[in-house]
N, C-alpha and C. Protein backbone atom coordinates (compact mmCIF):
# COMPACT_ATOMS: atom_id res chain seq x y z
N MET A 1 -1.10 -16.44 -5.79
CA MET A 1 -1.73 -15.44 -6.65
C MET A 1 -0.86 -15.18 -7.88
N THR A 2 -1.49 -14.72 -8.94
CA THR A 2 -0.75 -14.40 -10.15
C THR A 2 -0.03 -13.06 -9.98
N GLU A 3 0.95 -12.82 -10.83
CA GLU A 3 1.67 -11.54 -10.75
C GLU A 3 0.75 -10.34 -10.93
N PRO A 4 -0.18 -10.36 -11.91
CA PRO A 4 -1.10 -9.21 -12.02
C PRO A 4 -1.92 -8.99 -10.75
N GLU A 5 -2.32 -10.07 -10.08
CA GLU A 5 -3.08 -9.92 -8.85
C GLU A 5 -2.23 -9.31 -7.74
N ILE A 6 -0.96 -9.70 -7.69
CA ILE A 6 -0.06 -9.12 -6.69
C ILE A 6 0.16 -7.64 -6.97
N ARG A 7 0.32 -7.29 -8.24
CA ARG A 7 0.52 -5.88 -8.58
C ARG A 7 -0.73 -5.07 -8.28
N THR A 8 -1.88 -5.66 -8.43
CA THR A 8 -3.12 -4.97 -8.05
C THR A 8 -3.13 -4.71 -6.55
N ALA A 9 -2.67 -5.70 -5.77
CA ALA A 9 -2.60 -5.53 -4.33
C ALA A 9 -1.59 -4.44 -3.95
N THR A 10 -0.49 -4.37 -4.69
CA THR A 10 0.52 -3.33 -4.43
C THR A 10 -0.06 -1.95 -4.69
N ALA A 11 -0.79 -1.81 -5.77
CA ALA A 11 -1.42 -0.52 -6.08
C ALA A 11 -2.43 -0.14 -5.00
N ALA A 12 -3.17 -1.13 -4.50
CA ALA A 12 -4.14 -0.86 -3.43
C ALA A 12 -3.43 -0.41 -2.16
N GLU A 13 -2.29 -1.03 -1.87
CA GLU A 13 -1.51 -0.64 -0.70
C GLU A 13 -1.03 0.81 -0.84
N ARG A 14 -0.54 1.16 -2.01
CA ARG A 14 -0.06 2.52 -2.21
C ARG A 14 -1.19 3.53 -2.11
N ARG A 15 -2.35 3.18 -2.64
CA ARG A 15 -3.49 4.10 -2.53
C ARG A 15 -3.88 4.32 -1.07
N ALA A 16 -3.85 3.25 -0.29
CA ALA A 16 -4.18 3.38 1.13
C ALA A 16 -3.17 4.28 1.83
N GLN A 17 -1.90 4.17 1.44
CA GLN A 17 -0.88 5.01 2.04
C GLN A 17 -1.05 6.46 1.60
N VAL A 18 -1.41 6.68 0.35
CA VAL A 18 -1.67 8.04 -0.12
C VAL A 18 -2.78 8.68 0.71
N ASP A 19 -3.85 7.93 0.95
CA ASP A 19 -4.97 8.46 1.74
C ASP A 19 -4.52 8.81 3.15
N LEU A 20 -3.71 7.95 3.76
CA LEU A 20 -3.22 8.22 5.10
C LEU A 20 -2.34 9.47 5.11
N LEU A 21 -1.37 9.53 4.21
CA LEU A 21 -0.42 10.63 4.20
C LEU A 21 -1.10 11.96 3.90
N ALA A 22 -2.12 11.92 3.05
CA ALA A 22 -2.84 13.14 2.70
C ALA A 22 -3.58 13.71 3.91
N SER A 23 -3.84 12.89 4.91
CA SER A 23 -4.59 13.34 6.08
C SER A 23 -3.69 13.90 7.18
N LEU A 24 -2.37 13.83 7.00
CA LEU A 24 -1.44 14.19 8.06
C LEU A 24 -1.14 15.68 8.10
N SER A 25 -0.90 16.17 9.31
CA SER A 25 -0.39 17.53 9.48
C SER A 25 1.12 17.51 9.26
N GLU A 26 1.71 18.69 9.12
CA GLU A 26 3.17 18.77 8.96
C GLU A 26 3.86 18.18 10.18
N GLU A 27 3.29 18.38 11.35
CA GLU A 27 3.89 17.83 12.57
C GLU A 27 3.87 16.30 12.54
N GLN A 28 2.81 15.72 12.01
CA GLN A 28 2.74 14.26 11.94
C GLN A 28 3.74 13.67 10.95
N TRP A 29 4.09 14.43 9.92
CA TRP A 29 5.13 13.97 9.00
C TRP A 29 6.48 13.82 9.72
N ASP A 30 6.63 14.49 10.84
CA ASP A 30 7.87 14.40 11.60
C ASP A 30 7.80 13.37 12.72
N THR A 31 6.72 12.57 12.76
CA THR A 31 6.60 11.51 13.76
C THR A 31 7.67 10.45 13.53
N PRO A 32 8.38 10.03 14.59
CA PRO A 32 9.34 8.93 14.43
C PRO A 32 8.61 7.66 13.98
N SER A 33 9.12 7.01 12.96
CA SER A 33 8.51 5.78 12.46
C SER A 33 9.10 4.58 13.21
N LEU A 34 8.65 3.38 12.85
CA LEU A 34 9.23 2.17 13.44
C LEU A 34 10.57 1.81 12.81
N CYS A 35 10.91 2.47 11.72
CA CYS A 35 12.20 2.24 11.06
C CYS A 35 13.22 3.13 11.78
N ALA A 36 14.12 2.52 12.50
CA ALA A 36 14.99 3.24 13.43
C ALA A 36 15.70 4.43 12.77
N GLY A 37 15.55 5.59 13.37
CA GLY A 37 16.22 6.79 12.90
C GLY A 37 15.50 7.57 11.82
N TRP A 38 14.38 7.03 11.34
CA TRP A 38 13.63 7.71 10.28
C TRP A 38 12.28 8.19 10.80
N ARG A 39 11.93 9.41 10.41
CA ARG A 39 10.58 9.90 10.63
C ARG A 39 9.68 9.41 9.49
N VAL A 40 8.42 9.78 9.54
CA VAL A 40 7.51 9.43 8.46
C VAL A 40 8.07 9.92 7.13
N ARG A 41 8.58 11.15 7.08
CA ARG A 41 9.03 11.70 5.81
C ARG A 41 10.25 10.96 5.24
N GLU A 42 11.14 10.46 6.09
CA GLU A 42 12.26 9.67 5.57
C GLU A 42 11.78 8.34 5.00
N VAL A 43 10.79 7.74 5.64
CA VAL A 43 10.25 6.47 5.13
C VAL A 43 9.64 6.69 3.74
N VAL A 44 8.86 7.76 3.60
CA VAL A 44 8.23 8.02 2.29
C VAL A 44 9.28 8.39 1.26
N ALA A 45 10.31 9.11 1.66
CA ALA A 45 11.40 9.41 0.74
C ALA A 45 12.05 8.11 0.25
N HIS A 46 12.18 7.16 1.15
CA HIS A 46 12.78 5.87 0.78
C HIS A 46 11.87 5.07 -0.15
N THR A 47 10.59 4.98 0.19
CA THR A 47 9.70 4.14 -0.63
C THR A 47 9.46 4.74 -2.02
N THR A 48 9.70 6.03 -2.16
CA THR A 48 9.52 6.66 -3.49
C THR A 48 10.84 6.84 -4.23
N MET A 49 11.93 6.43 -3.61
CA MET A 49 13.24 6.61 -4.24
C MET A 49 13.30 5.95 -5.62
N ALA A 50 12.75 4.75 -5.73
CA ALA A 50 12.81 4.03 -7.01
C ALA A 50 12.07 4.76 -8.12
N PHE A 51 11.10 5.59 -7.77
CA PHE A 51 10.34 6.33 -8.77
C PHE A 51 11.10 7.58 -9.23
N ARG A 52 12.03 8.05 -8.42
CA ARG A 52 12.69 9.32 -8.68
C ARG A 52 14.13 9.18 -9.16
N TYR A 53 14.75 8.03 -8.89
CA TYR A 53 16.17 7.87 -9.20
C TYR A 53 16.37 7.13 -10.51
N SER A 54 17.16 7.70 -11.38
CA SER A 54 17.57 6.99 -12.59
C SER A 54 18.62 5.95 -12.21
N THR A 55 18.88 5.02 -13.10
CA THR A 55 19.92 4.01 -12.82
C THR A 55 21.28 4.65 -12.58
N PRO A 56 21.72 5.61 -13.42
CA PRO A 56 23.02 6.25 -13.15
C PRO A 56 23.08 6.94 -11.78
N ARG A 57 22.00 7.60 -11.39
CA ARG A 57 21.99 8.28 -10.09
C ARG A 57 22.07 7.27 -8.96
N PHE A 58 21.35 6.17 -9.09
CA PHE A 58 21.40 5.13 -8.08
C PHE A 58 22.81 4.55 -7.97
N LEU A 59 23.42 4.25 -9.11
CA LEU A 59 24.75 3.65 -9.10
C LEU A 59 25.79 4.61 -8.53
N LEU A 60 25.65 5.90 -8.83
CA LEU A 60 26.57 6.89 -8.26
C LEU A 60 26.44 6.90 -6.74
N GLY A 61 25.21 6.83 -6.26
CA GLY A 61 25.00 6.79 -4.82
C GLY A 61 25.64 5.56 -4.19
N MET A 62 25.56 4.44 -4.88
CA MET A 62 26.17 3.21 -4.39
C MET A 62 27.69 3.34 -4.33
N VAL A 63 28.27 3.95 -5.34
CA VAL A 63 29.72 4.14 -5.35
C VAL A 63 30.14 5.02 -4.17
N LYS A 64 29.41 6.11 -3.96
CA LYS A 64 29.74 7.02 -2.86
C LYS A 64 29.56 6.36 -1.50
N ALA A 65 28.69 5.35 -1.45
CA ALA A 65 28.46 4.63 -0.19
C ALA A 65 29.34 3.40 -0.06
N GLY A 66 30.32 3.27 -0.94
CA GLY A 66 31.23 2.15 -0.87
C GLY A 66 30.58 0.82 -1.18
N GLY A 67 29.50 0.87 -1.98
CA GLY A 67 28.81 -0.36 -2.37
C GLY A 67 27.85 -0.88 -1.33
N ASN A 68 27.67 -0.14 -0.25
CA ASN A 68 26.77 -0.57 0.83
C ASN A 68 25.39 0.01 0.59
N PHE A 69 24.43 -0.85 0.23
CA PHE A 69 23.09 -0.36 -0.10
C PHE A 69 22.42 0.32 1.09
N HIS A 70 22.56 -0.24 2.27
CA HIS A 70 21.89 0.33 3.44
C HIS A 70 22.42 1.73 3.73
N ARG A 71 23.74 1.94 3.58
CA ARG A 71 24.30 3.26 3.78
C ARG A 71 23.79 4.23 2.72
N MET A 72 23.75 3.75 1.48
CA MET A 72 23.27 4.59 0.39
C MET A 72 21.81 4.97 0.60
N ALA A 73 20.97 3.99 0.97
CA ALA A 73 19.54 4.23 1.16
C ALA A 73 19.29 5.20 2.31
N ASP A 74 20.05 5.07 3.37
CA ASP A 74 19.88 5.96 4.52
C ASP A 74 20.26 7.39 4.15
N ARG A 75 21.38 7.54 3.46
CA ARG A 75 21.80 8.87 3.04
C ARG A 75 20.77 9.50 2.11
N ALA A 76 20.27 8.71 1.17
CA ALA A 76 19.30 9.23 0.21
C ALA A 76 18.00 9.63 0.90
N ALA A 77 17.53 8.80 1.83
CA ALA A 77 16.28 9.10 2.52
C ALA A 77 16.40 10.38 3.33
N ARG A 78 17.51 10.56 4.03
CA ARG A 78 17.69 11.76 4.86
C ARG A 78 17.84 13.00 3.99
N ARG A 79 18.59 12.89 2.92
CA ARG A 79 18.78 14.04 2.02
C ARG A 79 17.47 14.42 1.35
N ASP A 80 16.77 13.43 0.80
CA ASP A 80 15.54 13.72 0.06
C ASP A 80 14.45 14.23 0.99
N ALA A 81 14.41 13.70 2.22
CA ALA A 81 13.41 14.18 3.17
C ALA A 81 13.64 15.64 3.54
N ALA A 82 14.90 16.05 3.51
CA ALA A 82 15.23 17.44 3.81
C ALA A 82 14.96 18.36 2.62
N GLU A 83 15.16 17.84 1.42
CA GLU A 83 15.06 18.68 0.22
C GLU A 83 13.66 18.74 -0.37
N LEU A 84 12.86 17.69 -0.16
CA LEU A 84 11.52 17.63 -0.74
C LEU A 84 10.47 17.90 0.33
N SER A 85 9.45 18.64 -0.04
CA SER A 85 8.36 18.91 0.90
C SER A 85 7.48 17.68 1.06
N SER A 86 6.67 17.69 2.10
CA SER A 86 5.72 16.59 2.28
C SER A 86 4.78 16.50 1.09
N GLY A 87 4.39 17.65 0.52
CA GLY A 87 3.52 17.64 -0.65
C GLY A 87 4.18 17.00 -1.85
N GLN A 88 5.47 17.25 -2.02
CA GLN A 88 6.19 16.64 -3.14
C GLN A 88 6.34 15.14 -2.96
N LEU A 89 6.63 14.72 -1.74
CA LEU A 89 6.74 13.28 -1.47
C LEU A 89 5.41 12.58 -1.67
N LEU A 90 4.35 13.19 -1.17
CA LEU A 90 3.02 12.62 -1.35
C LEU A 90 2.66 12.56 -2.83
N GLY A 91 2.95 13.63 -3.56
CA GLY A 91 2.65 13.66 -4.99
C GLY A 91 3.39 12.58 -5.76
N CYS A 92 4.63 12.33 -5.37
CA CYS A 92 5.41 11.29 -6.04
C CYS A 92 4.78 9.92 -5.82
N LEU A 93 4.35 9.65 -4.60
CA LEU A 93 3.70 8.36 -4.34
C LEU A 93 2.37 8.27 -5.09
N ARG A 94 1.59 9.33 -5.06
CA ARG A 94 0.29 9.32 -5.75
C ARG A 94 0.46 9.11 -7.25
N ASP A 95 1.46 9.72 -7.83
CA ASP A 95 1.67 9.62 -9.28
C ASP A 95 2.21 8.27 -9.71
N ASN A 96 2.66 7.46 -8.76
CA ASN A 96 3.30 6.19 -9.10
C ASN A 96 2.62 4.98 -8.46
N VAL A 97 1.33 5.12 -8.19
CA VAL A 97 0.58 4.02 -7.60
C VAL A 97 0.69 2.75 -8.46
N GLU A 98 0.69 2.91 -9.76
CA GLU A 98 0.73 1.75 -10.66
C GLU A 98 2.14 1.44 -11.16
N HIS A 99 3.15 2.07 -10.60
CA HIS A 99 4.53 1.89 -11.09
C HIS A 99 4.96 0.43 -10.98
N PRO A 100 5.60 -0.13 -12.00
CA PRO A 100 5.95 -1.56 -12.00
C PRO A 100 7.26 -1.90 -11.30
N TRP A 101 7.86 -0.96 -10.57
CA TRP A 101 9.14 -1.25 -9.92
C TRP A 101 9.07 -2.48 -9.03
N SER A 102 10.17 -3.22 -9.02
CA SER A 102 10.32 -4.31 -8.06
C SER A 102 11.78 -4.38 -7.67
N PRO A 103 12.10 -4.79 -6.45
CA PRO A 103 13.50 -4.85 -6.02
C PRO A 103 14.25 -5.94 -6.78
N PRO A 104 15.55 -5.79 -6.97
CA PRO A 104 16.33 -6.80 -7.70
C PRO A 104 16.13 -8.19 -7.12
N GLY A 105 15.67 -9.11 -7.96
CA GLY A 105 15.46 -10.48 -7.53
C GLY A 105 14.22 -10.70 -6.70
N GLY A 106 13.45 -9.62 -6.44
CA GLY A 106 12.30 -9.76 -5.56
C GLY A 106 10.98 -9.94 -6.28
N GLY A 107 10.92 -9.51 -7.55
CA GLY A 107 9.69 -9.66 -8.30
C GLY A 107 8.55 -8.84 -7.73
N ALA A 108 7.35 -9.14 -8.21
CA ALA A 108 6.17 -8.40 -7.79
C ALA A 108 5.90 -8.54 -6.30
N LEU A 109 6.11 -9.74 -5.75
CA LEU A 109 5.88 -9.94 -4.32
C LEU A 109 6.89 -9.14 -3.49
N GLY A 110 8.10 -8.99 -4.00
CA GLY A 110 9.09 -8.18 -3.31
C GLY A 110 8.66 -6.74 -3.22
N ALA A 111 8.06 -6.23 -4.30
CA ALA A 111 7.57 -4.84 -4.29
C ALA A 111 6.44 -4.68 -3.28
N LEU A 112 5.51 -5.63 -3.26
CA LEU A 112 4.41 -5.57 -2.30
C LEU A 112 4.96 -5.63 -0.87
N SER A 113 5.91 -6.52 -0.63
CA SER A 113 6.48 -6.66 0.71
C SER A 113 7.15 -5.36 1.15
N HIS A 114 7.91 -4.76 0.26
CA HIS A 114 8.59 -3.51 0.56
C HIS A 114 7.59 -2.44 0.96
N ASP A 115 6.52 -2.31 0.20
CA ASP A 115 5.54 -1.27 0.48
C ASP A 115 4.75 -1.55 1.75
N VAL A 116 4.35 -2.80 1.95
CA VAL A 116 3.56 -3.14 3.14
C VAL A 116 4.38 -2.96 4.41
N ILE A 117 5.62 -3.44 4.41
CA ILE A 117 6.45 -3.34 5.62
C ILE A 117 6.72 -1.88 5.97
N HIS A 118 7.12 -1.09 4.98
CA HIS A 118 7.39 0.31 5.28
C HIS A 118 6.09 1.07 5.55
N GLY A 119 5.00 0.63 4.96
CA GLY A 119 3.71 1.22 5.29
C GLY A 119 3.37 1.02 6.76
N LEU A 120 3.67 -0.16 7.28
CA LEU A 120 3.45 -0.43 8.71
C LEU A 120 4.39 0.39 9.58
N ASP A 121 5.60 0.65 9.09
CA ASP A 121 6.51 1.51 9.84
C ASP A 121 5.86 2.86 10.12
N VAL A 122 5.07 3.32 9.16
CA VAL A 122 4.42 4.62 9.29
C VAL A 122 3.09 4.51 10.04
N SER A 123 2.20 3.64 9.55
CA SER A 123 0.84 3.60 10.11
C SER A 123 0.83 3.17 11.57
N THR A 124 1.68 2.21 11.94
CA THR A 124 1.72 1.76 13.33
C THR A 124 2.23 2.88 14.23
N ALA A 125 3.26 3.59 13.78
CA ALA A 125 3.80 4.69 14.58
C ALA A 125 2.76 5.79 14.79
N LEU A 126 1.86 5.94 13.82
CA LEU A 126 0.82 6.96 13.91
C LEU A 126 -0.44 6.46 14.62
N GLY A 127 -0.43 5.20 15.05
CA GLY A 127 -1.59 4.64 15.73
C GLY A 127 -2.75 4.34 14.80
N ARG A 128 -2.45 4.10 13.52
CA ARG A 128 -3.49 3.83 12.54
C ARG A 128 -3.44 2.36 12.13
N ASP A 129 -4.39 1.59 12.64
CA ASP A 129 -4.44 0.16 12.34
C ASP A 129 -5.39 -0.17 11.20
N ASP A 130 -5.92 0.85 10.54
CA ASP A 130 -6.91 0.63 9.50
C ASP A 130 -6.33 0.77 8.09
N VAL A 131 -5.00 0.81 7.98
CA VAL A 131 -4.37 1.07 6.69
C VAL A 131 -3.94 -0.21 5.99
N ALA A 132 -3.27 -1.09 6.71
CA ALA A 132 -2.74 -2.33 6.12
C ALA A 132 -3.82 -3.40 6.12
N ALA A 133 -4.34 -3.74 4.96
CA ALA A 133 -5.37 -4.78 4.86
C ALA A 133 -4.76 -6.13 5.21
N ALA A 134 -5.48 -6.91 6.02
CA ALA A 134 -4.98 -8.21 6.46
C ALA A 134 -4.65 -9.12 5.29
N GLU A 135 -5.42 -9.02 4.20
CA GLU A 135 -5.18 -9.87 3.04
C GLU A 135 -3.84 -9.55 2.39
N ARG A 136 -3.49 -8.26 2.33
CA ARG A 136 -2.20 -7.90 1.74
C ARG A 136 -1.05 -8.32 2.65
N VAL A 137 -1.24 -8.14 3.95
CA VAL A 137 -0.20 -8.56 4.89
C VAL A 137 -0.01 -10.07 4.82
N ALA A 138 -1.10 -10.82 4.66
CA ALA A 138 -1.01 -12.28 4.56
C ALA A 138 -0.22 -12.70 3.33
N LEU A 139 -0.36 -11.98 2.23
CA LEU A 139 0.43 -12.28 1.04
C LEU A 139 1.92 -12.14 1.33
N VAL A 140 2.27 -11.09 2.05
CA VAL A 140 3.68 -10.87 2.39
C VAL A 140 4.18 -11.96 3.32
N LEU A 141 3.42 -12.28 4.36
CA LEU A 141 3.81 -13.34 5.28
C LEU A 141 3.97 -14.67 4.56
N GLY A 142 3.03 -14.95 3.67
CA GLY A 142 3.07 -16.22 2.95
C GLY A 142 4.26 -16.35 2.03
N GLY A 143 4.82 -15.23 1.62
CA GLY A 143 5.97 -15.26 0.72
C GLY A 143 7.31 -15.25 1.41
N LEU A 144 7.32 -15.13 2.73
CA LEU A 144 8.59 -15.08 3.45
C LEU A 144 9.29 -16.43 3.41
N GLN A 145 10.58 -16.38 3.14
CA GLN A 145 11.41 -17.58 3.11
C GLN A 145 12.38 -17.54 4.30
N PRO A 146 12.90 -18.71 4.71
CA PRO A 146 13.83 -18.73 5.84
C PRO A 146 15.00 -17.76 5.70
N ARG A 147 15.53 -17.62 4.49
CA ARG A 147 16.67 -16.70 4.32
C ARG A 147 16.26 -15.26 4.59
N GLN A 148 15.02 -14.92 4.23
CA GLN A 148 14.55 -13.57 4.48
C GLN A 148 14.34 -13.33 5.98
N LEU A 149 13.84 -14.34 6.66
CA LEU A 149 13.66 -14.22 8.10
C LEU A 149 15.01 -14.09 8.79
N ARG A 150 16.01 -14.81 8.31
CA ARG A 150 17.35 -14.68 8.89
C ARG A 150 17.91 -13.28 8.67
N TYR A 151 17.56 -12.68 7.54
CA TYR A 151 18.03 -11.34 7.22
C TYR A 151 17.62 -10.34 8.30
N PHE A 152 16.41 -10.48 8.83
CA PHE A 152 15.94 -9.55 9.85
C PHE A 152 16.50 -9.86 11.23
N GLY A 153 17.07 -11.05 11.41
CA GLY A 153 17.79 -11.37 12.64
C GLY A 153 16.94 -11.67 13.85
N VAL A 154 15.67 -12.00 13.66
CA VAL A 154 14.80 -12.30 14.80
C VAL A 154 14.88 -13.81 15.11
N ASP A 155 15.14 -14.14 16.34
CA ASP A 155 15.27 -15.54 16.75
C ASP A 155 13.88 -16.15 16.97
N LEU A 156 13.49 -17.03 16.06
CA LEU A 156 12.19 -17.69 16.16
C LEU A 156 12.32 -19.15 16.56
N THR A 157 13.47 -19.51 17.11
CA THR A 157 13.70 -20.89 17.54
C THR A 157 12.66 -21.30 18.59
N GLY A 158 12.01 -22.42 18.34
CA GLY A 158 11.03 -22.95 19.28
C GLY A 158 9.74 -22.16 19.36
N ILE A 159 9.45 -21.40 18.30
CA ILE A 159 8.26 -20.55 18.28
C ILE A 159 7.35 -20.93 17.12
N GLU A 160 6.06 -20.99 17.37
CA GLU A 160 5.07 -21.10 16.30
C GLU A 160 4.26 -19.79 16.28
N LEU A 161 4.33 -19.08 15.17
CA LEU A 161 3.56 -17.85 15.00
C LEU A 161 2.19 -18.20 14.45
N ARG A 162 1.14 -17.63 15.05
CA ARG A 162 -0.22 -17.91 14.62
C ARG A 162 -0.97 -16.60 14.42
N ALA A 163 -1.41 -16.35 13.19
CA ALA A 163 -2.22 -15.16 12.92
C ALA A 163 -3.65 -15.40 13.36
N THR A 164 -4.26 -14.38 13.95
CA THR A 164 -5.62 -14.50 14.45
C THR A 164 -6.66 -13.97 13.46
N ASP A 165 -6.22 -13.26 12.43
CA ASP A 165 -7.18 -12.65 11.49
C ASP A 165 -7.08 -13.21 10.08
N VAL A 166 -6.07 -14.04 9.80
CA VAL A 166 -5.94 -14.71 8.51
C VAL A 166 -5.43 -16.12 8.77
N ASP A 167 -5.48 -16.95 7.76
CA ASP A 167 -5.03 -18.34 7.89
C ASP A 167 -3.54 -18.40 7.61
N TRP A 168 -2.72 -18.20 8.63
CA TRP A 168 -1.26 -18.25 8.47
C TRP A 168 -0.61 -18.69 9.76
N ARG A 169 0.29 -19.66 9.63
CA ARG A 169 1.11 -20.12 10.74
C ARG A 169 2.53 -20.32 10.23
N TYR A 170 3.48 -20.20 11.15
CA TYR A 170 4.88 -20.41 10.78
C TYR A 170 5.64 -20.97 11.97
N GLY A 171 6.48 -21.99 11.70
CA GLY A 171 7.34 -22.55 12.73
C GLY A 171 6.65 -23.58 13.58
N SER A 172 7.36 -24.03 14.61
CA SER A 172 6.80 -25.01 15.54
C SER A 172 7.37 -24.75 16.93
N GLY A 173 6.55 -24.99 17.92
CA GLY A 173 6.98 -24.77 19.29
C GLY A 173 5.91 -24.02 20.07
N GLU A 174 6.34 -23.19 21.02
CA GLU A 174 5.40 -22.43 21.82
C GLU A 174 4.70 -21.38 20.96
N PRO A 175 3.38 -21.27 21.07
CA PRO A 175 2.66 -20.35 20.19
C PRO A 175 2.78 -18.88 20.61
N VAL A 176 2.88 -18.04 19.61
CA VAL A 176 2.75 -16.59 19.77
C VAL A 176 1.69 -16.16 18.77
N SER A 177 0.61 -15.57 19.27
CA SER A 177 -0.52 -15.21 18.43
C SER A 177 -0.69 -13.70 18.34
N GLY A 178 -1.21 -13.27 17.20
CA GLY A 178 -1.49 -11.86 17.00
C GLY A 178 -2.03 -11.65 15.60
N ARG A 179 -2.47 -10.44 15.32
CA ARG A 179 -2.92 -10.13 13.98
C ARG A 179 -1.76 -10.23 12.99
N ALA A 180 -2.09 -10.43 11.73
CA ALA A 180 -1.06 -10.59 10.72
C ALA A 180 -0.09 -9.42 10.72
N GLN A 181 -0.59 -8.20 10.82
CA GLN A 181 0.29 -7.05 10.73
C GLN A 181 1.25 -6.99 11.92
N ASP A 182 0.81 -7.44 13.09
CA ASP A 182 1.70 -7.44 14.24
C ASP A 182 2.74 -8.54 14.15
N LEU A 183 2.37 -9.68 13.58
CA LEU A 183 3.35 -10.74 13.38
C LEU A 183 4.36 -10.35 12.31
N LEU A 184 3.92 -9.60 11.30
CA LEU A 184 4.88 -9.13 10.29
C LEU A 184 5.87 -8.15 10.91
N LEU A 185 5.39 -7.28 11.78
CA LEU A 185 6.31 -6.39 12.50
C LEU A 185 7.32 -7.21 13.29
N LEU A 186 6.84 -8.26 13.95
CA LEU A 186 7.72 -9.11 14.76
C LEU A 186 8.82 -9.72 13.92
N VAL A 187 8.45 -10.37 12.81
CA VAL A 187 9.47 -11.08 12.03
C VAL A 187 10.41 -10.12 11.32
N CYS A 188 10.00 -8.86 11.16
CA CYS A 188 10.87 -7.87 10.53
C CYS A 188 11.71 -7.12 11.54
N GLY A 189 11.65 -7.52 12.79
CA GLY A 189 12.48 -6.90 13.81
C GLY A 189 12.00 -5.54 14.27
N ARG A 190 10.75 -5.20 13.97
CA ARG A 190 10.20 -3.94 14.42
C ARG A 190 9.60 -4.10 15.82
N PRO A 191 9.55 -3.02 16.60
CA PRO A 191 8.89 -3.11 17.91
C PRO A 191 7.38 -3.28 17.73
N VAL A 192 6.83 -4.25 18.43
CA VAL A 192 5.39 -4.49 18.39
C VAL A 192 4.76 -3.76 19.56
N PRO A 193 3.76 -2.92 19.32
CA PRO A 193 3.12 -2.20 20.43
C PRO A 193 2.65 -3.14 21.53
N ALA A 194 2.72 -2.67 22.74
CA ALA A 194 2.37 -3.47 23.91
C ALA A 194 0.95 -4.01 23.80
N GLY A 195 0.79 -5.27 24.20
CA GLY A 195 -0.52 -5.90 24.25
C GLY A 195 -1.01 -6.46 22.95
N ARG A 196 -0.20 -6.42 21.89
CA ARG A 196 -0.65 -6.91 20.59
C ARG A 196 -0.45 -8.42 20.43
N LEU A 197 0.43 -9.01 21.21
CA LEU A 197 0.75 -10.43 21.07
C LEU A 197 0.27 -11.19 22.30
N SER A 198 -0.04 -12.48 22.11
CA SER A 198 -0.43 -13.32 23.23
C SER A 198 0.17 -14.71 23.04
N GLY A 199 0.16 -15.48 24.11
CA GLY A 199 0.70 -16.84 24.06
C GLY A 199 1.84 -17.00 25.05
N PRO A 200 2.21 -18.24 25.33
CA PRO A 200 3.23 -18.53 26.35
C PRO A 200 4.57 -17.86 26.08
N ALA A 201 4.94 -17.69 24.82
CA ALA A 201 6.26 -17.13 24.50
C ALA A 201 6.19 -15.68 24.03
N ALA A 202 5.03 -15.05 24.13
CA ALA A 202 4.89 -13.69 23.61
C ALA A 202 5.83 -12.71 24.30
N GLY A 203 6.13 -12.97 25.57
CA GLY A 203 7.00 -12.06 26.31
C GLY A 203 8.39 -11.93 25.72
N ARG A 204 8.81 -12.87 24.89
CA ARG A 204 10.12 -12.76 24.24
C ARG A 204 10.18 -11.59 23.26
N PHE A 205 9.01 -11.14 22.85
CA PHE A 205 8.96 -10.13 21.78
C PHE A 205 8.29 -8.83 22.23
N GLY A 206 8.19 -8.63 23.54
CA GLY A 206 7.58 -7.42 24.05
C GLY A 206 6.44 -7.76 25.00
N PRO A 207 5.86 -6.75 25.64
CA PRO A 207 4.76 -6.99 26.58
C PRO A 207 3.60 -7.71 25.92
N ALA A 208 3.12 -8.77 26.52
CA ALA A 208 2.03 -9.57 25.94
C ALA A 208 0.69 -9.12 26.47
N ARG A 209 -0.38 -9.56 25.80
CA ARG A 209 -1.72 -9.31 26.30
C ARG A 209 -1.94 -10.11 27.57
N THR A 210 -2.76 -9.58 28.43
CA THR A 210 -3.18 -10.32 29.62
C THR A 210 -4.68 -10.51 29.57
N GLY A 211 -5.15 -11.64 30.07
CA GLY A 211 -6.58 -11.89 30.08
C GLY A 211 -7.10 -12.34 28.75
């Protein structure tokens, strides 16, 4: 796809997340997400950080974190989630649906991947499977490179991943099948809800479907 088409998909993903978040109670904002240690509100604080932080503020945070981005991002998400209301976080996402941010070196597809993956951290934890469009998830899966898969640390040796709702396969070996969004959770090292995967090797990644 072209860059404008990918950015259109990113905007659609953000709109879907806005609709989901707008429907939540305050208690649901405190639901633990699939991103370890973060509730829904920390995830949204993280995904909107790029819209709220100037370059000097970001760099200062990096210095305070000893140059460790993950430490800086975690501190920022926890602090901002405590200081900003759910309405403010939602408003920030709504106001920046068309924002052109992309992660360093990641381009437009990197921005889409960031939003889709963290969107699944929230929607899956809330039991909402109607948020992440299979077509957008397929774009993210199709853009994954071996180095990115290594980054998440999931051992896919001897495994062939097969999506059941889009045309996507990866690897070779014993098949593990599931919807695109569940396979994306798998390759990103997130817990996949029980019964979402099937195939001879599905048990390596959590309880498999039976029958």
